Amino acid sequence: MSSASPVCITDWSIAAPIVYREKLTTVEALSRIAADKMAGSVIVRTALCEEDGVFSYRIIARDSQGRLSTLTVDARAPFGR
């Protein structure tokens, strides 16, 4: 069991080549998928995270009442698509 914290990248000039190299879901596709799965919410910020070779997206979303929430999804199959 690893005690290391995930490393998260918010600078997309650094994250984009990793997404391409690892064949992860793009942020554009993630936004489309999230629009279907998180009805009424909009993504405010997305970070690409990696922990022990597993990639995820950490999403901050705002719901229709203005509340912020944080969600972590698999970067290869967000929302189990």
PDB file of N, CA and C in Angstrom:
ATOM      1  N   MET A   1       0.841  -1.171   0.000  1.00  0.00           N
ATOM      2  CA  MET A   1       0.000   0.000   0.000  1.00  0.00           C
ATOM      3  C   MET A   1       0.889   1.239   0.000  1.00  0.00           C
ATOM      4  N   SER A   2       0.619   2.165  -0.899  1.00  0.00           N
ATOM      5  CA  SER A   2       1.437   3.360  -1.034  1.00  0.00           C
ATOM      6  C   SER A   2       0.915   4.474  -0.134  1.00  0.00           C
ATOM      7  N   SER A   3       1.844   5.186   0.475  1.00  0.00           N
ATOM      8  CA  SER A   3       1.442   6.333   1.292  1.00  0.00           C
ATOM      9  C   SER A   3       1.707   7.641   0.550  1.00  0.00           C
ATOM     10  N   ALA A   4       2.184   7.531  -0.689  1.00  0.00           N
ATOM     11  CA  ALA A   4       2.486   8.721  -1.481  1.00  0.00           C
ATOM     12  C   ALA A   4       1.194   9.395  -1.923  1.00  0.00           C
ATOM     13  N   SER A   5       1.219  10.708  -1.930  1.00  0.00           N
ATOM     14  CA  SER A   5       0.083  11.473  -2.419  1.00  0.00           C
ATOM     15  C   SER A   5       0.157  11.532  -3.939  1.00  0.00           C
ATOM     16  N   PRO A   6      -1.001  11.659  -4.582  1.00  0.00           N
ATOM     17  CA  PRO A   6      -0.964  11.782  -6.036  1.00  0.00           C
ATOM     18  C   PRO A   6      -0.288  13.080  -6.451  1.00  0.00           C
ATOM     19  N   VAL A   7       0.365  13.037  -7.590  1.00  0.00           N
ATOM     20  CA  VAL A   7       0.959  14.232  -8.179  1.00  0.00           C
ATOM     21  C   VAL A   7      -0.058  14.758  -9.177  1.00  0.00           C
ATOM     22  N   CYS A   8      -0.476  16.004  -9.015  1.00  0.00           N
ATOM     23  CA  CYS A   8      -1.490  16.583  -9.897  1.00  0.00           C
ATOM     24  C   CYS A   8      -0.898  17.743 -10.691  1.00  0.00           C
ATOM     25  N   ILE A   9      -1.270  17.793 -11.965  1.00  0.00           N
ATOM     26  CA  ILE A   9      -0.777  18.823 -12.882  1.00  0.00           C
ATOM     27  C   ILE A   9      -1.970  19.657 -13.338  1.00  0.00           C
ATOM     28  N   THR A  10      -1.877  20.963 -13.134  1.00  0.00           N
ATOM     29  CA  THR A  10      -2.941  21.859 -13.597  1.00  0.00           C
ATOM     30  C   THR A  10      -2.504  22.656 -14.826  1.00  0.00           C
ATOM     31  N   ASP A  11      -1.219  22.622 -15.147  1.00  0.00           N
ATOM     32  CA  ASP A  11      -0.697  23.314 -16.330  1.00  0.00           C
ATOM     33  C   ASP A  11      -0.862  22.381 -17.526  1.00  0.00           C
ATOM     34  N   TRP A  12      -1.801  22.723 -18.416  1.00  0.00           N
ATOM     35  CA  TRP A  12      -2.119  21.825 -19.525  1.00  0.00           C
ATOM     36  C   TRP A  12      -1.059  21.786 -20.606  1.00  0.00           C
ATOM     37  N   SER A  13      -0.106  22.716 -20.600  1.00  0.00           N
ATOM     38  CA  SER A  13       1.015  22.598 -21.542  1.00  0.00           C
ATOM     39  C   SER A  13       1.915  21.435 -21.126  1.00  0.00           C
ATOM     40  N   ILE A  14       1.859  21.070 -19.849  1.00  0.00           N
ATOM     41  CA  ILE A  14       2.595  19.906 -19.340  1.00  0.00           C
ATOM     42  C   ILE A  14       1.712  18.657 -19.396  1.00  0.00           C
ATOM     43  N   ALA A  15       0.443  18.789 -19.030  1.00  0.00           N
ATOM     44  CA  ALA A  15      -0.459  17.634 -18.945  1.00  0.00           C
ATOM     45  C   ALA A  15      -0.860  17.089 -20.318  1.00  0.00           C
ATOM     46  N   ALA A  16      -1.060  17.954 -21.303  1.00  0.00           N
ATOM     47  CA  ALA A  16      -1.550  17.508 -22.615  1.00  0.00           C
ATOM     48  C   ALA A  16      -0.660  16.437 -23.256  1.00  0.00           C
ATOM     49  N   PRO A  17       0.671  16.597 -23.257  1.00  0.00           N
ATOM     50  CA  PRO A  17       1.498  15.529 -23.844  1.00  0.00           C
ATOM     51  C   PRO A  17       1.372  14.195 -23.093  1.00  0.00           C
ATOM     52  N   ILE A  18       1.137  14.255 -21.792  1.00  0.00           N
ATOM     53  CA  ILE A  18       0.958  13.026 -20.999  1.00  0.00           C
ATOM     54  C   ILE A  18      -0.353  12.355 -21.400  1.00  0.00           C
ATOM     55  N   VAL A  19      -1.402  13.146 -21.554  1.00  0.00           N
ATOM     56  CA  VAL A  19      -2.705  12.619 -21.977  1.00  0.00           C
ATOM     57  C   VAL A  19      -2.552  11.908 -23.313  1.00  0.00           C
ATOM     58  N   TYR A  20      -1.839  12.542 -24.243  1.00  0.00           N
ATOM     59  CA  TYR A  20      -1.623  11.958 -25.572  1.00  0.00           C
ATOM     60  C   TYR A  20      -0.790  10.677 -25.477  1.00  0.00           C
ATOM     61  N   ARG A  21       0.327  10.744 -24.763  1.00  0.00           N
ATOM     62  CA  ARG A  21       1.249   9.604 -24.655  1.00  0.00           C
ATOM     63  C   ARG A  21       0.590   8.399 -23.989  1.00  0.00           C
ATOM     64  N   GLU A  22      -0.201   8.651 -22.952  1.00  0.00           N
ATOM     65  CA  GLU A  22      -0.829   7.569 -22.187  1.00  0.00           C
ATOM     66  C   GLU A  22      -2.185   7.153 -22.756  1.00  0.00           C
ATOM     67  N   LYS A  23      -2.614   7.836 -23.841  1.00  0.00           N
ATOM     68  CA  LYS A  23      -3.907   7.557 -24.474  1.00  0.00           C
ATOM     69  C   LYS A  23      -5.077   7.695 -23.483  1.00  0.00           C
ATOM     70  N   LEU A  24      -5.050   8.785 -22.725  1.00  0.00           N
ATOM     71  CA  LEU A  24      -6.098   9.072 -21.746  1.00  0.00           C
ATOM     72  C   LEU A  24      -7.239   9.816 -22.428  1.00  0.00           C
ATOM     73  N   THR A  25      -8.373   9.880 -21.778  1.00  0.00           N
ATOM     74  CA  THR A  25      -9.503  10.661 -22.271  1.00  0.00           C
ATOM     75  C   THR A  25      -9.086  12.135 -22.278  1.00  0.00           C
ATOM     76  N   THR A  26      -9.348  12.822 -23.374  1.00  0.00           N
ATOM     77  CA  THR A  26      -8.983  14.240 -23.446  1.00  0.00           C
ATOM     78  C   THR A  26      -9.918  15.066 -22.570  1.00  0.00           C
ATOM     79  N   VAL A  27      -9.480  16.261 -22.213  1.00  0.00           N
ATOM     80  CA  VAL A  27     -10.306  17.149 -21.398  1.00  0.00           C
ATOM     81  C   VAL A  27     -11.567  17.547 -22.170  1.00  0.00           C
ATOM     82  N   GLU A  28     -11.455  17.696 -23.482  1.00  0.00           N
ATOM     83  CA  GLU A  28     -12.631  18.024 -24.287  1.00  0.00           C
ATOM     84  C   GLU A  28     -13.665  16.905 -24.200  1.00  0.00           C
ATOM     85  N   ALA A  29     -13.214  15.655 -24.344  1.00  0.00           N
ATOM     86  CA  ALA A  29     -14.130  14.510 -24.230  1.00  0.00           C
ATOM     87  C   ALA A  29     -14.662  14.401 -22.806  1.00  0.00           C
ATOM     88  N   LEU A  30     -13.798  14.646 -21.821  1.00  0.00           N
ATOM     89  CA  LEU A  30     -14.223  14.606 -20.425  1.00  0.00           C
ATOM     90  C   LEU A  30     -15.350  15.609 -20.181  1.00  0.00           C
ATOM     91  N   SER A  31     -15.234  16.795 -20.744  1.00  0.00           N
ATOM     92  CA  SER A  31     -16.268  17.826 -20.582  1.00  0.00           C
ATOM     93  C   SER A  31     -17.595  17.364 -21.158  1.00  0.00           C
ATOM     94  N   ARG A  32     -17.556  16.718 -22.341  1.00  0.00           N
ATOM     95  CA  ARG A  32     -18.788  16.213 -22.958  1.00  0.00           C
ATOM     96  C   ARG A  32     -19.411  15.101 -22.107  1.00  0.00           C
ATOM     97  N   ILE A  33     -18.580  14.177 -21.630  1.00  0.00           N
ATOM     98  CA  ILE A  33     -19.071  13.071 -20.799  1.00  0.00           C
ATOM     99  C   ILE A  33     -19.653  13.616 -19.499  1.00  0.00           C
ATOM    100  N   ALA A  34     -18.943  14.564 -18.885  1.00  0.00           N
ATOM    101  CA  ALA A  34     -19.392  15.143 -17.615  1.00  0.00           C
ATOM    102  C   ALA A  34     -20.719  15.874 -17.779  1.00  0.00           C
ATOM    103  N   ALA A  35     -20.918  16.536 -18.916  1.00  0.00           N
ATOM    104  CA  ALA A  35     -22.178  17.249 -19.160  1.00  0.00           C
ATOM    105  C   ALA A  35     -23.356  16.285 -19.108  1.00  0.00           C
ATOM    106  N   ASP A  36     -23.155  15.061 -19.598  1.00  0.00           N
ATOM    107  CA  ASP A  36     -24.210  14.043 -19.558  1.00  0.00           C
ATOM    108  C   ASP A  36     -24.376  13.472 -18.150  1.00  0.00           C
ATOM    109  N   LYS A  37     -23.275  13.215 -17.469  1.00  0.00           N
ATOM    110  CA  LYS A  37     -23.314  12.532 -16.173  1.00  0.00           C
ATOM    111  C   LYS A  37     -23.603  13.463 -15.001  1.00  0.00           C
ATOM    112  N   MET A  38     -23.267  14.741 -15.147  1.00  0.00           N
ATOM    113  CA  MET A  38     -23.418  15.696 -14.048  1.00  0.00           C
ATOM    114  C   MET A  38     -24.390  16.795 -14.470  1.00  0.00           C
ATOM    115  N   ALA A  39     -25.577  16.427 -14.834  1.00  0.00           N
ATOM    116  CA  ALA A  39     -26.575  17.375 -15.348  1.00  0.00           C
ATOM    117  C   ALA A  39     -26.698  18.587 -14.428  1.00  0.00           C
ATOM    118  N   GLY A  40     -26.633  19.760 -15.038  1.00  0.00           N
ATOM    119  CA  GLY A  40     -26.780  20.987 -14.276  1.00  0.00           C
ATOM    120  C   GLY A  40     -25.490  21.526 -13.680  1.00  0.00           C
ATOM    121  N   SER A  41     -24.401  20.751 -13.777  1.00  0.00           N
ATOM    122  CA  SER A  41     -23.117  21.197 -13.235  1.00  0.00           C
ATOM    123  C   SER A  41     -22.169  21.562 -14.367  1.00  0.00           C
ATOM    124  N   VAL A  42     -21.274  22.479 -14.070  1.00  0.00           N
ATOM    125  CA  VAL A  42     -20.244  22.842 -15.036  1.00  0.00           C
ATOM    126  C   VAL A  42     -18.871  22.643 -14.398  1.00  0.00           C
ATOM    127  N   ILE A  43     -17.932  22.187 -15.208  1.00  0.00           N
ATOM    128  CA  ILE A  43     -16.572  21.995 -14.716  1.00  0.00           C
ATOM    129  C   ILE A  43     -15.897  23.353 -14.610  1.00  0.00           C
ATOM    130  N   VAL A  44     -15.337  23.633 -13.443  1.00  0.00           N
ATOM    131  CA  VAL A  44     -14.637  24.885 -13.195  1.00  0.00           C
ATOM    132  C   VAL A  44     -13.138  24.696 -13.410  1.00  0.00           C
ATOM    133  N   ARG A  45     -12.614  23.558 -12.945  1.00  0.00           N
ATOM    134  CA  ARG A  45     -11.178  23.299 -13.063  1.00  0.00           C
ATOM    135  C   ARG A  45     -10.961  21.787 -13.131  1.00  0.00           C
ATOM    136  N   THR A  46      -9.954  21.402 -13.913  1.00  0.00           N
ATOM    137  CA  THR A  46      -9.592  19.991 -14.034  1.00  0.00           C
ATOM    138  C   THR A  46      -8.084  19.865 -13.883  1.00  0.00           C
ATOM    139  N   ALA A  47      -7.660  18.874 -13.111  1.00  0.00           N
ATOM    140  CA  ALA A  47      -6.234  18.584 -12.958  1.00  0.00           C
ATOM    141  C   ALA A  47      -6.013  17.123 -13.320  1.00  0.00           C
ATOM    142  N   LEU A  48      -4.888  16.842 -13.964  1.00  0.00           N
ATOM    143  CA  LEU A  48      -4.490  15.468 -14.259  1.00  0.00           C
ATOM    144  C   LEU A  48      -3.620  14.999 -13.106  1.00  0.00           C
ATOM    145  N   CYS A  49      -4.003  13.880 -12.488  1.00  0.00           N
ATOM    146  CA  CYS A  49      -3.262  13.355 -11.349  1.00  0.00           C
ATOM    147  C   CYS A  49      -2.725  11.970 -11.678  1.00  0.00           C
ATOM    148  N   GLU A  50      -1.590  11.619 -11.050  1.00  0.00           N
ATOM    149  CA  GLU A  50      -0.982  10.302 -11.233  1.00  0.00           C
ATOM    150  C   GLU A  50      -0.509   9.807  -9.888  1.00  0.00           C
ATOM    151  N   GLU A  51      -0.866   8.570  -9.586  1.00  0.00           N
ATOM    152  CA  GLU A  51      -0.420   7.935  -8.353  1.00  0.00           C
ATOM    153  C   GLU A  51      -0.140   6.468  -8.662  1.00  0.00           C
ATOM    154  N   ASP A  52       1.074   6.048  -8.445  1.00  0.00           N
ATOM    155  CA  ASP A  52       1.484   4.659  -8.693  1.00  0.00           C
ATOM    156  C   ASP A  52       1.153   4.207 -10.111  1.00  0.00           C
ATOM    157  N   GLY A  53       1.343   5.091 -11.092  1.00  0.00           N
ATOM    158  CA  GLY A  53       1.108   4.739 -12.490  1.00  0.00           C
ATOM    159  C   GLY A  53      -0.342   4.767 -12.923  1.00  0.00           C
ATOM    160  N   VAL A  54      -1.247   5.160 -12.035  1.00  0.00           N
ATOM    161  CA  VAL A  54      -2.670   5.244 -12.360  1.00  0.00           C
ATOM    162  C   VAL A  54      -3.035   6.719 -12.514  1.00  0.00           C
ATOM    163  N   PHE A  55      -3.664   7.050 -13.644  1.00  0.00           N
ATOM    164  CA  PHE A  55      -4.016   8.436 -13.932  1.00  0.00           C
ATOM    165  C   PHE A  55      -5.487   8.690 -13.629  1.00  0.00           C
ATOM    166  N   SER A  56      -5.759   9.868 -13.084  1.00  0.00           N
ATOM    167  CA  SER A  56      -7.131  10.274 -12.809  1.00  0.00           C
ATOM    168  C   SER A  56      -7.259  11.764 -13.080  1.00  0.00           C
ATOM    169  N   TYR A  57      -8.509  12.194 -13.212  1.00  0.00           N
ATOM    170  CA  TYR A  57      -8.799  13.616 -13.306  1.00  0.00           C
ATOM    171  C   TYR A  57      -9.461  14.038 -12.007  1.00  0.00           C
ATOM    172  N   ARG A  58      -8.970  15.109 -11.419  1.00  0.00           N
ATOM    173  CA  ARG A  58      -9.617  15.722 -10.265  1.00  0.00           C
ATOM    174  C   ARG A  58     -10.396  16.918 -10.816  1.00  0.00           C
ATOM    175  N   ILE A  59     -11.700  16.858 -10.654  1.00  0.00           N
ATOM    176  CA  ILE A  59     -12.600  17.855 -11.236  1.00  0.00           C
ATOM    177  C   ILE A  59     -13.220  18.687 -10.118  1.00  0.00           C
ATOM    178  N   ILE A  60     -13.223  20.000 -10.312  1.00  0.00           N
ATOM    179  CA  ILE A  60     -13.996  20.889  -9.443  1.00  0.00           C
ATOM    180  C   ILE A  60     -15.161  21.364 -10.302  1.00  0.00           C
ATOM    181  N   ALA A  61     -16.380  21.104  -9.809  1.00  0.00           N
ATOM    182  CA  ALA A  61     -17.582  21.445 -10.566  1.00  0.00           C
ATOM    183  C   ALA A  61     -18.481  22.344  -9.738  1.00  0.00           C
ATOM    184  N   ARG A  62     -19.248  23.174 -10.440  1.00  0.00           N
ATOM    185  CA  ARG A  62     -20.230  24.055  -9.794  1.00  0.00           C
ATOM    186  C   ARG A  62     -21.607  23.586 -10.226  1.00  0.00           C
ATOM    187  N   ASP A  63     -22.475  23.328  -9.238  1.00  0.00           N
ATOM    188  CA  ASP A  63     -23.832  22.881  -9.570  1.00  0.00           C
ATOM    189  C   ASP A  63     -24.732  24.082  -9.848  1.00  0.00           C
ATOM    190  N   SER A  64     -25.991  23.803 -10.179  1.00  0.00           N
ATOM    191  CA  SER A  64     -26.916  24.875 -10.573  1.00  0.00           C
ATOM    192  C   SER A  64     -27.237  25.842  -9.426  1.00  0.00           C
ATOM    193  N   GLN A  65     -26.960  25.430  -8.167  1.00  0.00           N
ATOM    194  CA  GLN A  65     -27.152  26.330  -7.023  1.00  0.00           C
ATOM    195  C   GLN A  65     -25.869  27.082  -6.674  1.00  0.00           C
ATOM    196  N   GLY A  66     -24.802  26.875  -7.451  1.00  0.00           N
ATOM    197  CA  GLY A  66     -23.549  27.579  -7.217  1.00  0.00           C
ATOM    198  C   GLY A  66     -22.592  26.884  -6.263  1.00  0.00           C
ATOM    199  N   ARG A  67     -22.960  25.702  -5.756  1.00  0.00           N
ATOM    200  CA  ARG A  67     -22.084  24.966  -4.836  1.00  0.00           C
ATOM    201  C   ARG A  67     -20.974  24.272  -5.608  1.00  0.00           C
ATOM    202  N   LEU A  68     -19.780  24.296  -5.016  1.00  0.00           N
ATOM    203  CA  LEU A  68     -18.625  23.623  -5.617  1.00  0.00           C
ATOM    204  C   LEU A  68     -18.469  22.238  -5.010  1.00  0.00           C
ATOM    205  N   SER A  69     -18.057  21.289  -5.830  1.00  0.00           N
ATOM    206  CA  SER A  69     -17.762  19.945  -5.343  1.00  0.00           C
ATOM    207  C   SER A  69     -16.534  19.429  -6.084  1.00  0.00           C
ATOM    208  N   THR A  70     -15.836  18.509  -5.447  1.00  0.00           N
ATOM    209  CA  THR A  70     -14.656  17.896  -6.044  1.00  0.00           C
ATOM    210  C   THR A  70     -14.967  16.443  -6.325  1.00  0.00           C
ATOM    211  N   LEU A  71     -14.574  15.997  -7.507  1.00  0.00           N
ATOM    212  CA  LEU A  71     -14.823  14.633  -7.937  1.00  0.00           C
ATOM    213  C   LEU A  71     -13.562  14.111  -8.594  1.00  0.00           C
ATOM    214  N   THR A  72     -13.211  12.870  -8.324  1.00  0.00           N
ATOM    215  CA  THR A  72     -12.059  12.240  -8.973  1.00  0.00           C
ATOM    216  C   THR A  72     -12.572  11.095  -9.826  1.00  0.00           C
ATOM    217  N   VAL A  73     -12.173  11.090 -11.111  1.00  0.00           N
ATOM    218  CA  VAL A  73     -12.593  10.040 -12.035  1.00  0.00           C
ATOM    219  C   VAL A  73     -11.384   9.451 -12.739  1.00  0.00           C
ATOM    220  N   ASP A  74     -11.510   8.211 -13.169  1.00  0.00           N
ATOM    221  CA  ASP A  74     -10.463   7.519 -13.903  1.00  0.00           C
ATOM    222  C   ASP A  74     -10.206   8.260 -15.220  1.00  0.00           C
ATOM    223  N   ALA A  75      -8.947   8.545 -15.523  1.00  0.00           N
ATOM    224  CA  ALA A  75      -8.630   9.294 -16.736  1.00  0.00           C
ATOM    225  C   ALA A  75      -8.754   8.449 -18.001  1.00  0.00           C
ATOM    226  N   ARG A  76      -8.775   7.130 -17.859  1.00  0.00           N
ATOM    227  CA  ARG A  76      -8.943   6.255 -19.026  1.00  0.00           C
ATOM    228  C   ARG A  76     -10.425   6.003 -19.321  1.00  0.00           C
ATOM    229  N   ALA A  77     -11.231   5.898 -18.280  1.00  0.00           N
ATOM    230  CA  ALA A  77     -12.659   5.622 -18.439  1.00  0.00           C
ATOM    231  C   ALA A  77     -13.453   6.442 -17.434  1.00  0.00           C
ATOM    232  N   PRO A  78     -13.515   7.775 -17.641  1.00  0.00           N
ATOM    233  CA  PRO A  78     -14.233   8.617 -16.684  1.00  0.00           C
ATOM    234  C   PRO A  78     -15.705   8.239 -16.612  1.00  0.00           C
ATOM    235  N   PHE A  79     -16.217   8.237 -15.400  1.00  0.00           N
ATOM    236  CA  PHE A  79     -17.625   7.920 -15.140  1.00  0.00           C
ATOM    237  C   PHE A  79     -17.968   6.515 -15.635  1.00  0.00           C
ATOM    238  N   GLY A  80     -16.953   5.644 -15.744  1.00  0.00           N
ATOM    239  CA  GLY A  80     -17.176   4.260 -16.146  1.00  0.00           C
ATOM    240  C   GLY A  80     -17.669   4.089 -17.560  1.00  0.00           C
ATOM    241  N   ARG A  81     -17.348   5.037 -18.440  1.00  0.00           N
ATOM    242  CA  ARG A  81     -17.883   5.003 -19.807  1.00  0.00           C
ATOM    243  C   ARG A  81     -17.506   3.753 -20.539  1.00  0.00           C
TER     244      ARG A  81
END
